[in-house]
């Protein structure tokens, strides 16, 4: 396929997508990768940060010679913003055709199907074992993941990519 033909297709797709957006229907995506995104909710880290802020305020107010100034309020504000960031940045698991992807502390991580040693399902937990590195653990208690839904989608993923799947 020539590049000029691809440009024409993309241009026509953008025109059609604008029309479909005005009509309220879904957009057409060129060469879209079919993937399913399962999201959880992080609430442990924000709660711990808020408790830390409370402890900091109580301890600093009881300290002799400490005056409440602008830096005190900036510190509290920064910790509240960090707690909000952890709360609103929802953890997720994306299951594609031949990969899984999630967010870690260091950024988004993608694991191809060839890099997965096995998938273990327990009550309330989903564990993806990579060939190299630490296990990816998705918990219903810690991050409010819908583990039953994840288990069903990962079962289909494991069957299509011939990955060992174990349910306990």
C-alpha atoms as a PDB file:
ATOM      1  CA  UNK A   1       0.000   0.000   0.000  1.00  0.00           C
ATOM      2  CA  UNK A   2       1.461   3.347  -0.983  1.00  0.00           C
ATOM      3  CA  UNK A   3       1.915   6.227   1.414  1.00  0.00           C
ATOM      4  CA  UNK A   4      -0.281   8.566  -0.623  1.00  0.00           C
ATOM      5  CA  UNK A   5      -3.101   6.015  -0.405  1.00  0.00           C
ATOM      6  CA  UNK A   6      -2.643   5.775   3.389  1.00  0.00           C
ATOM      7  CA  UNK A   7      -2.760   9.564   3.672  1.00  0.00           C
ATOM      8  CA  UNK A   8      -6.011   9.645   1.693  1.00  0.00           C
ATOM      9  CA  UNK A   9      -7.515   6.945   3.902  1.00  0.00           C
ATOM     10  CA  UNK A  10      -6.491   8.786   7.086  1.00  0.00           C
ATOM     11  CA  UNK A  11      -7.851  12.088   5.739  1.00  0.00           C
ATOM     12  CA  UNK A  12     -11.188  10.511   4.811  1.00  0.00           C
ATOM     13  CA  UNK A  13     -11.336   8.720   8.175  1.00  0.00           C
ATOM     14  CA  UNK A  14     -10.828  12.014  10.011  1.00  0.00           C
ATOM     15  CA  UNK A  15     -13.663  13.614   8.008  1.00  0.00           C
ATOM     16  CA  UNK A  16     -15.955  10.662   8.734  1.00  0.00           C
ATOM     17  CA  UNK A  17     -14.975  10.661  12.431  1.00  0.00           C
ATOM     18  CA  UNK A  18     -15.852  14.371  12.703  1.00  0.00           C
ATOM     19  CA  UNK A  19     -19.259  13.672  11.142  1.00  0.00           C
ATOM     20  CA  UNK A  20     -19.870  10.676  13.409  1.00  0.00           C
ATOM     21  CA  UNK A  21     -18.834  12.714  16.473  1.00  0.00           C
ATOM     22  CA  UNK A  22     -21.404  15.398  15.582  1.00  0.00           C
ATOM     23  CA  UNK A  23     -24.060  12.683  15.178  1.00  0.00           C
ATOM     24  CA  UNK A  24     -23.171  11.179  18.546  1.00  0.00           C
ATOM     25  CA  UNK A  25     -22.043   7.787  17.241  1.00  0.00           C
ATOM     26  CA  UNK A  26     -18.714   6.096  17.931  1.00  0.00           C
ATOM     27  CA  UNK A  27     -15.617   6.923  15.971  1.00  0.00           C
ATOM     28  CA  UNK A  28     -13.854   4.628  13.540  1.00  0.00           C
ATOM     29  CA  UNK A  29     -10.223   3.946  14.407  1.00  0.00           C
ATOM     30  CA  UNK A  30      -7.707   3.013  11.696  1.00  0.00           C
ATOM     31  CA  UNK A  31      -5.796  -0.198  12.510  1.00  0.00           C
ATOM     32  CA  UNK A  32      -6.968  -0.157  16.119  1.00  0.00           C
ATOM     33  CA  UNK A  33      -5.533  -2.632  18.575  1.00  0.00           C
ATOM     34  CA  UNK A  34      -8.346  -4.466  20.356  1.00  0.00           C
ATOM     35  CA  UNK A  35      -7.701  -4.358  24.074  1.00  0.00           C
ATOM     36  CA  UNK A  36      -9.725  -4.413  27.264  1.00  0.00           C
ATOM     37  CA  UNK A  37      -8.902  -2.138  30.169  1.00  0.00           C
ATOM     38  CA  UNK A  38      -9.877  -3.169  33.693  1.00  0.00           C
ATOM     39  CA  UNK A  39      -9.509  -0.441  36.312  1.00  0.00           C
ATOM     40  CA  UNK A  40      -9.343  -0.514  40.088  1.00  0.00           C
ATOM     41  CA  UNK A  41      -9.252   2.186  42.739  1.00  0.00           C
ATOM     42  CA  UNK A  42      -6.284   2.972  44.968  1.00  0.00           C
ATOM     43  CA  UNK A  43      -7.428   4.020  48.421  1.00  0.00           C
ATOM     44  CA  UNK A  44      -4.766   2.627  50.803  1.00  0.00           C
ATOM     45  CA  UNK A  45      -1.973   5.081  49.876  1.00  0.00           C
ATOM     46  CA  UNK A  46      -4.192   8.198  50.116  1.00  0.00           C
ATOM     47  CA  UNK A  47      -5.497   7.095  53.518  1.00  0.00           C
ATOM     48  CA  UNK A  48      -1.945   6.488  54.781  1.00  0.00           C
ATOM     49  CA  UNK A  49      -0.832   9.897  53.497  1.00  0.00           C
ATOM     50  CA  UNK A  50      -3.780  11.657  55.165  1.00  0.00           C
ATOM     51  CA  UNK A  51      -2.990   9.856  58.442  1.00  0.00           C
ATOM     52  CA  UNK A  52       0.649  10.900  58.091  1.00  0.00           C
ATOM     53  CA  UNK A  53      -0.438  14.513  57.571  1.00  0.00           C
ATOM     54  CA  UNK A  54      -2.618  14.333  60.690  1.00  0.00           C
ATOM     55  CA  UNK A  55       0.245  12.905  62.739  1.00  0.00           C
ATOM     56  CA  UNK A  56       2.575  15.607  61.412  1.00  0.00           C
ATOM     57  CA  UNK A  57       0.143  18.395  62.361  1.00  0.00           C
ATOM     58  CA  UNK A  58      -0.462  17.009  65.865  1.00  0.00           C
ATOM     59  CA  UNK A  59       3.236  16.444  66.596  1.00  0.00           C
ATOM     60  CA  UNK A  60       4.301  19.836  65.264  1.00  0.00           C
ATOM     61  CA  UNK A  61       1.627  21.740  67.202  1.00  0.00           C
ATOM     62  CA  UNK A  62       2.738  20.103  70.450  1.00  0.00           C
ATOM     63  CA  UNK A  63       6.397  20.987  69.853  1.00  0.00           C
ATOM     64  CA  UNK A  64       7.639  24.003  71.802  1.00  0.00           C
ATOM     65  CA  UNK A  65       9.208  26.756  69.789  1.00  0.00           C
ATOM     66  CA  UNK A  66       7.510  25.702  66.510  1.00  0.00           C
ATOM     67  CA  UNK A  67       5.571  28.393  64.748  1.00  0.00           C
ATOM     68  CA  UNK A  68       3.039  27.687  62.047  1.00  0.00           C
ATOM     69  CA  UNK A  69       4.224  29.530  58.954  1.00  0.00           C
ATOM     70  CA  UNK A  70       3.891  29.385  55.193  1.00  0.00           C
ATOM     71  CA  UNK A  71       6.237  26.429  54.782  1.00  0.00           C
ATOM     72  CA  UNK A  72       4.101  24.374  57.172  1.00  0.00           C
ATOM     73  CA  UNK A  73       0.998  24.961  55.025  1.00  0.00           C
ATOM     74  CA  UNK A  74       2.905  24.308  51.783  1.00  0.00           C
ATOM     75  CA  UNK A  75       4.076  20.958  53.178  1.00  0.00           C
ATOM     76  CA  UNK A  76       0.539  19.993  54.169  1.00  0.00           C
ATOM     77  CA  UNK A  77      -0.788  21.113  50.788  1.00  0.00           C
ATOM     78  CA  UNK A  78       1.812  19.060  48.921  1.00  0.00           C
ATOM     79  CA  UNK A  79       0.941  15.924  50.878  1.00  0.00           C
ATOM     80  CA  UNK A  80      -2.774  16.466  50.232  1.00  0.00           C
ATOM     81  CA  UNK A  81      -2.040  16.866  46.502  1.00  0.00           C
ATOM     82  CA  UNK A  82       0.028  13.676  46.563  1.00  0.00           C
ATOM     83  CA  UNK A  83      -2.852  11.818  48.239  1.00  0.00           C
ATOM     84  CA  UNK A  84      -5.257  13.177  45.598  1.00  0.00           C
ATOM     85  CA  UNK A  85      -2.856  12.096  42.836  1.00  0.00           C
ATOM     86  CA  UNK A  86      -2.734   8.542  44.195  1.00  0.00           C
ATOM     87  CA  UNK A  87      -6.528   8.460  44.520  1.00  0.00           C
ATOM     88  CA  UNK A  88      -7.401   9.808  41.066  1.00  0.00           C
ATOM     89  CA  UNK A  89      -4.641   7.960  39.160  1.00  0.00           C
ATOM     90  CA  UNK A  90      -6.504   4.701  38.966  1.00  0.00           C
ATOM     91  CA  UNK A  91      -4.535   1.451  38.650  1.00  0.00           C
ATOM     92  CA  UNK A  92      -5.412  -0.653  35.619  1.00  0.00           C
ATOM     93  CA  UNK A  93      -4.727  -3.828  33.691  1.00  0.00           C
ATOM     94  CA  UNK A  94      -4.974  -3.717  29.907  1.00  0.00           C
ATOM     95  CA  UNK A  95      -5.331  -7.087  28.181  1.00  0.00           C
ATOM     96  CA  UNK A  96      -4.456  -6.945  24.493  1.00  0.00           C
ATOM     97  CA  UNK A  97      -4.245  -9.627  21.853  1.00  0.00           C
ATOM     98  CA  UNK A  98      -0.692 -10.662  22.748  1.00  0.00           C
ATOM     99  CA  UNK A  99       0.291  -8.490  25.736  1.00  0.00           C
ATOM    100  CA  UNK A 100      -0.764  -7.274  29.164  1.00  0.00           C
ATOM    101  CA  UNK A 101      -0.013  -3.788  30.453  1.00  0.00           C
ATOM    102  CA  UNK A 102      -0.278  -2.087  33.826  1.00  0.00           C
ATOM    103  CA  UNK A 103       0.934   0.962  35.712  1.00  0.00           C
ATOM    104  CA  UNK A 104       3.765   0.582  38.210  1.00  0.00           C
ATOM    105  CA  UNK A 105       5.461   3.229  40.358  1.00  0.00           C
ATOM    106  CA  UNK A 106       8.079   3.728  37.647  1.00  0.00           C
ATOM    107  CA  UNK A 107       5.532   4.081  34.827  1.00  0.00           C
ATOM    108  CA  UNK A 108       3.499   1.928  32.476  1.00  0.00           C
ATOM    109  CA  UNK A 109       4.859  -1.588  31.954  1.00  0.00           C
ATOM    110  CA  UNK A 110       3.961  -3.865  29.051  1.00  0.00           C
ATOM    111  CA  UNK A 111       4.539  -7.606  29.143  1.00  0.00           C
ATOM    112  CA  UNK A 112       4.302  -9.612  25.905  1.00  0.00           C
ATOM    113  CA  UNK A 113       2.688 -13.044  25.965  1.00  0.00           C
ATOM    114  CA  UNK A 114       6.102 -14.641  25.382  1.00  0.00           C
ATOM    115  CA  UNK A 115       7.336 -13.028  28.612  1.00  0.00           C
ATOM    116  CA  UNK A 116       4.632 -14.577  30.814  1.00  0.00           C
ATOM    117  CA  UNK A 117       5.498 -17.762  32.709  1.00  0.00           C
ATOM    118  CA  UNK A 118       2.006 -18.349  34.079  1.00  0.00           C
ATOM    119  CA  UNK A 119      -1.212 -16.859  35.423  1.00  0.00           C
ATOM    120  CA  UNK A 120      -2.505 -17.838  38.877  1.00  0.00           C
ATOM    121  CA  UNK A 121      -5.995 -17.001  40.090  1.00  0.00           C
ATOM    122  CA  UNK A 122      -6.991 -17.138  43.761  1.00  0.00           C
ATOM    123  CA  UNK A 123     -10.003 -15.837  45.614  1.00  0.00           C
ATOM    124  CA  UNK A 124      -9.622 -12.049  45.469  1.00  0.00           C
ATOM    125  CA  UNK A 125      -6.174 -12.170  43.795  1.00  0.00           C
ATOM    126  CA  UNK A 126      -4.809 -12.386  40.262  1.00  0.00           C
ATOM    127  CA  UNK A 127      -1.081 -13.082  39.881  1.00  0.00           C
ATOM    128  CA  UNK A 128       0.750 -12.793  36.564  1.00  0.00           C
ATOM    129  CA  UNK A 129       4.188 -14.431  36.713  1.00  0.00           C
ATOM    130  CA  UNK A 130       6.656 -12.911  34.240  1.00  0.00           C
ATOM    131  CA  UNK A 131       9.662 -14.889  33.016  1.00  0.00           C
ATOM    132  CA  UNK A 132      11.940 -12.111  34.287  1.00  0.00           C
ATOM    133  CA  UNK A 133      11.204  -9.873  37.260  1.00  0.00           C
ATOM    134  CA  UNK A 134       8.731  -9.788  40.128  1.00  0.00           C
ATOM    135  CA  UNK A 135       5.167 -11.084  39.965  1.00  0.00           C
ATOM    136  CA  UNK A 136       2.347  -8.715  39.092  1.00  0.00           C
ATOM    137  CA  UNK A 137      -0.270  -9.036  41.833  1.00  0.00           C
ATOM    138  CA  UNK A 138      -3.749  -7.539  41.427  1.00  0.00           C
ATOM    139  CA  UNK A 139      -5.780  -7.573  44.631  1.00  0.00           C
ATOM    140  CA  UNK A 140      -9.435  -6.970  45.318  1.00  0.00           C
ATOM    141  CA  UNK A 141      -8.637  -5.745  48.850  1.00  0.00           C
ATOM    142  CA  UNK A 142      -5.726  -3.385  48.100  1.00  0.00           C
ATOM    143  CA  UNK A 143      -6.794  -1.781  44.809  1.00  0.00           C
ATOM    144  CA  UNK A 144     -10.469  -2.733  44.417  1.00  0.00           C
ATOM    145  CA  UNK A 145      -9.927  -4.668  41.186  1.00  0.00           C
ATOM    146  CA  UNK A 146     -12.850  -6.724  39.861  1.00  0.00           C
ATOM    147  CA  UNK A 147     -10.832  -9.957  40.100  1.00  0.00           C
ATOM    148  CA  UNK A 148     -13.632 -12.218  38.842  1.00  0.00           C
ATOM    149  CA  UNK A 149     -13.905 -10.217  35.611  1.00  0.00           C
ATOM    150  CA  UNK A 150     -10.111 -10.165  35.298  1.00  0.00           C
ATOM    151  CA  UNK A 151      -9.944 -13.942  35.765  1.00  0.00           C
ATOM    152  CA  UNK A 152     -12.389 -14.575  32.907  1.00  0.00           C
ATOM    153  CA  UNK A 153     -10.589 -12.250  30.501  1.00  0.00           C
ATOM    154  CA  UNK A 154      -7.170 -13.609  31.458  1.00  0.00           C
ATOM    155  CA  UNK A 155      -8.424 -17.172  30.945  1.00  0.00           C
ATOM    156  CA  UNK A 156      -9.296 -16.328  27.324  1.00  0.00           C
ATOM    157  CA  UNK A 157      -5.936 -14.533  26.943  1.00  0.00           C
ATOM    158  CA  UNK A 158      -4.054 -17.540  28.338  1.00  0.00           C
ATOM    159  CA  UNK A 159      -5.876 -19.981  26.052  1.00  0.00           C
ATOM    160  CA  UNK A 160      -5.242 -17.923  22.923  1.00  0.00           C
ATOM    161  CA  UNK A 161      -1.528 -17.500  23.755  1.00  0.00           C
ATOM    162  CA  UNK A 162      -0.965 -20.986  25.272  1.00  0.00           C
ATOM    163  CA  UNK A 163       0.080 -19.690  28.699  1.00  0.00           C
ATOM    164  CA  UNK A 164      -0.277 -21.928  31.778  1.00  0.00           C
ATOM    165  CA  UNK A 165      -3.392 -20.876  33.707  1.00  0.00           C
ATOM    166  CA  UNK A 166      -4.060 -22.104  37.234  1.00  0.00           C
ATOM    167  CA  UNK A 167      -7.096 -21.379  39.370  1.00  0.00           C
ATOM    168  CA  UNK A 168      -6.986 -22.256  43.077  1.00  0.00           C
END
